[in-house]
């Protein structure tokens, strides 16, 4: 039973890291346009 919990925890951790990396990558791609995309709302950098 503990191995199942461990596998679920590892899966959640990988999913969190992947979504965080995707967010960082999209921010890096938009930096040259002067736009940073946040989950809630995009904000323009003056």
N, C-alpha and C. Protein backbone atom coordinates (compact mmCIF):
# COMPACT_ATOMS: atom_id res chain seq x y z
N UNK A 1 0.84 -1.20 0.00
CA UNK A 1 0.00 0.00 0.00
C UNK A 1 0.88 1.26 0.00
N UNK A 2 1.97 1.22 0.74
CA UNK A 2 2.83 2.41 0.80
C UNK A 2 3.49 2.67 -0.56
N UNK A 3 3.74 1.59 -1.33
CA UNK A 3 4.34 1.79 -2.66
C UNK A 3 3.36 2.50 -3.58
N UNK A 4 2.06 2.21 -3.44
CA UNK A 4 1.04 2.89 -4.25
C UNK A 4 1.04 4.38 -3.94
N UNK A 5 1.08 4.72 -2.67
CA UNK A 5 1.09 6.13 -2.24
C UNK A 5 2.34 6.81 -2.78
N UNK A 6 3.47 6.11 -2.73
CA UNK A 6 4.72 6.67 -3.22
C UNK A 6 4.64 6.94 -4.72
N UNK A 7 4.07 5.99 -5.47
CA UNK A 7 3.94 6.19 -6.92
C UNK A 7 3.03 7.37 -7.23
N UNK A 8 1.94 7.51 -6.50
CA UNK A 8 1.02 8.64 -6.71
C UNK A 8 1.73 9.95 -6.39
N UNK A 9 2.51 9.97 -5.30
CA UNK A 9 3.24 11.19 -4.92
C UNK A 9 4.25 11.56 -6.01
N UNK A 10 4.97 10.57 -6.52
CA UNK A 10 5.95 10.84 -7.58
C UNK A 10 5.25 11.35 -8.83
N UNK A 11 4.12 10.77 -9.17
CA UNK A 11 3.36 11.21 -10.34
C UNK A 11 2.90 12.66 -10.19
N UNK A 12 2.40 13.01 -9.00
CA UNK A 12 1.98 14.39 -8.75
C UNK A 12 3.16 15.35 -8.84
N UNK A 13 4.30 14.94 -8.29
CA UNK A 13 5.49 15.78 -8.31
C UNK A 13 5.94 16.03 -9.75
N UNK A 14 5.96 14.97 -10.55
CA UNK A 14 6.35 15.12 -11.96
C UNK A 14 5.39 16.05 -12.68
N UNK A 15 4.08 15.91 -12.41
CA UNK A 15 3.08 16.75 -13.06
C UNK A 15 3.28 18.22 -12.68
N UNK A 16 3.56 18.46 -11.38
CA UNK A 16 3.79 19.84 -10.92
C UNK A 16 5.01 20.44 -11.58
N UNK A 17 6.10 19.66 -11.66
CA UNK A 17 7.34 20.15 -12.28
C UNK A 17 7.09 20.45 -13.76
N UNK A 18 6.38 19.55 -14.45
CA UNK A 18 6.10 19.75 -15.88
C UNK A 18 5.28 21.02 -16.11
N UNK A 19 4.24 21.22 -15.32
CA UNK A 19 3.40 22.41 -15.52
C UNK A 19 4.18 23.68 -15.16
N UNK A 20 5.05 23.59 -14.15
CA UNK A 20 5.86 24.76 -13.76
C UNK A 20 6.85 25.08 -14.88
N UNK A 21 7.47 24.06 -15.45
CA UNK A 21 8.42 24.27 -16.55
C UNK A 21 7.71 24.87 -17.75
N UNK A 22 6.50 24.38 -18.04
CA UNK A 22 5.75 24.90 -19.18
C UNK A 22 5.44 26.39 -18.97
N UNK A 23 5.12 26.76 -17.73
CA UNK A 23 4.84 28.16 -17.43
C UNK A 23 6.10 29.01 -17.62
N UNK A 24 7.24 28.50 -17.13
CA UNK A 24 8.50 29.23 -17.28
C UNK A 24 8.86 29.40 -18.75
N UNK A 25 8.67 28.34 -19.53
CA UNK A 25 9.01 28.39 -20.95
C UNK A 25 8.13 29.42 -21.66
N UNK A 26 6.83 29.44 -21.37
CA UNK A 26 5.94 30.40 -22.03
C UNK A 26 6.30 31.82 -21.64
N UNK A 27 6.72 32.03 -20.39
CA UNK A 27 7.14 33.37 -19.96
C UNK A 27 8.40 33.78 -20.72
N UNK A 28 9.36 32.87 -20.86
CA UNK A 28 10.60 33.18 -21.57
C UNK A 28 10.30 33.51 -23.03
N UNK A 29 9.37 32.77 -23.66
CA UNK A 29 9.05 33.00 -25.07
C UNK A 29 8.39 34.36 -25.26
N UNK A 30 7.65 34.83 -24.26
CA UNK A 30 6.91 36.09 -24.40
C UNK A 30 7.71 37.29 -23.95
N UNK A 31 8.87 37.08 -23.31
CA UNK A 31 9.63 38.20 -22.77
C UNK A 31 10.07 39.18 -23.86
N UNK A 32 10.45 38.67 -25.04
CA UNK A 32 10.94 39.57 -26.08
C UNK A 32 9.81 40.43 -26.64
N UNK A 33 8.56 40.03 -26.41
CA UNK A 33 7.42 40.84 -26.86
C UNK A 33 6.99 41.81 -25.77
N UNK A 34 7.61 41.73 -24.59
CA UNK A 34 7.26 42.61 -23.49
C UNK A 34 5.99 42.18 -22.78
N UNK A 35 5.61 40.92 -22.92
CA UNK A 35 4.40 40.43 -22.27
C UNK A 35 4.76 39.22 -21.42
N UNK A 36 4.36 39.25 -20.17
CA UNK A 36 4.54 38.10 -19.29
C UNK A 36 3.17 37.49 -19.03
N UNK A 37 3.02 36.22 -19.39
CA UNK A 37 1.73 35.55 -19.22
C UNK A 37 1.65 34.93 -17.83
N UNK A 38 0.67 35.37 -17.06
CA UNK A 38 0.40 34.77 -15.77
C UNK A 38 -0.86 33.93 -15.90
N UNK A 39 -1.03 32.95 -15.02
CA UNK A 39 -2.24 32.11 -15.10
C UNK A 39 -3.53 32.93 -15.07
N UNK A 40 -3.56 34.01 -14.29
CA UNK A 40 -4.78 34.80 -14.16
C UNK A 40 -4.94 35.77 -15.32
N UNK A 41 -3.95 36.64 -15.52
CA UNK A 41 -4.10 37.66 -16.55
C UNK A 41 -2.73 38.05 -17.12
N UNK A 42 -2.64 38.29 -18.40
CA UNK A 42 -1.38 38.77 -18.97
C UNK A 42 -1.15 40.24 -18.62
N UNK A 43 0.10 40.56 -18.26
CA UNK A 43 0.40 41.95 -17.90
C UNK A 43 1.52 42.47 -18.80
N UNK A 44 1.37 43.67 -19.28
CA UNK A 44 2.40 44.24 -20.15
C UNK A 44 3.45 44.97 -19.31
N UNK A 45 4.71 44.81 -19.71
CA UNK A 45 5.80 45.50 -19.01
C UNK A 45 6.06 46.81 -19.74
N UNK A 46 6.00 47.92 -19.01
CA UNK A 46 6.19 49.22 -19.64
C UNK A 46 7.66 49.42 -20.03
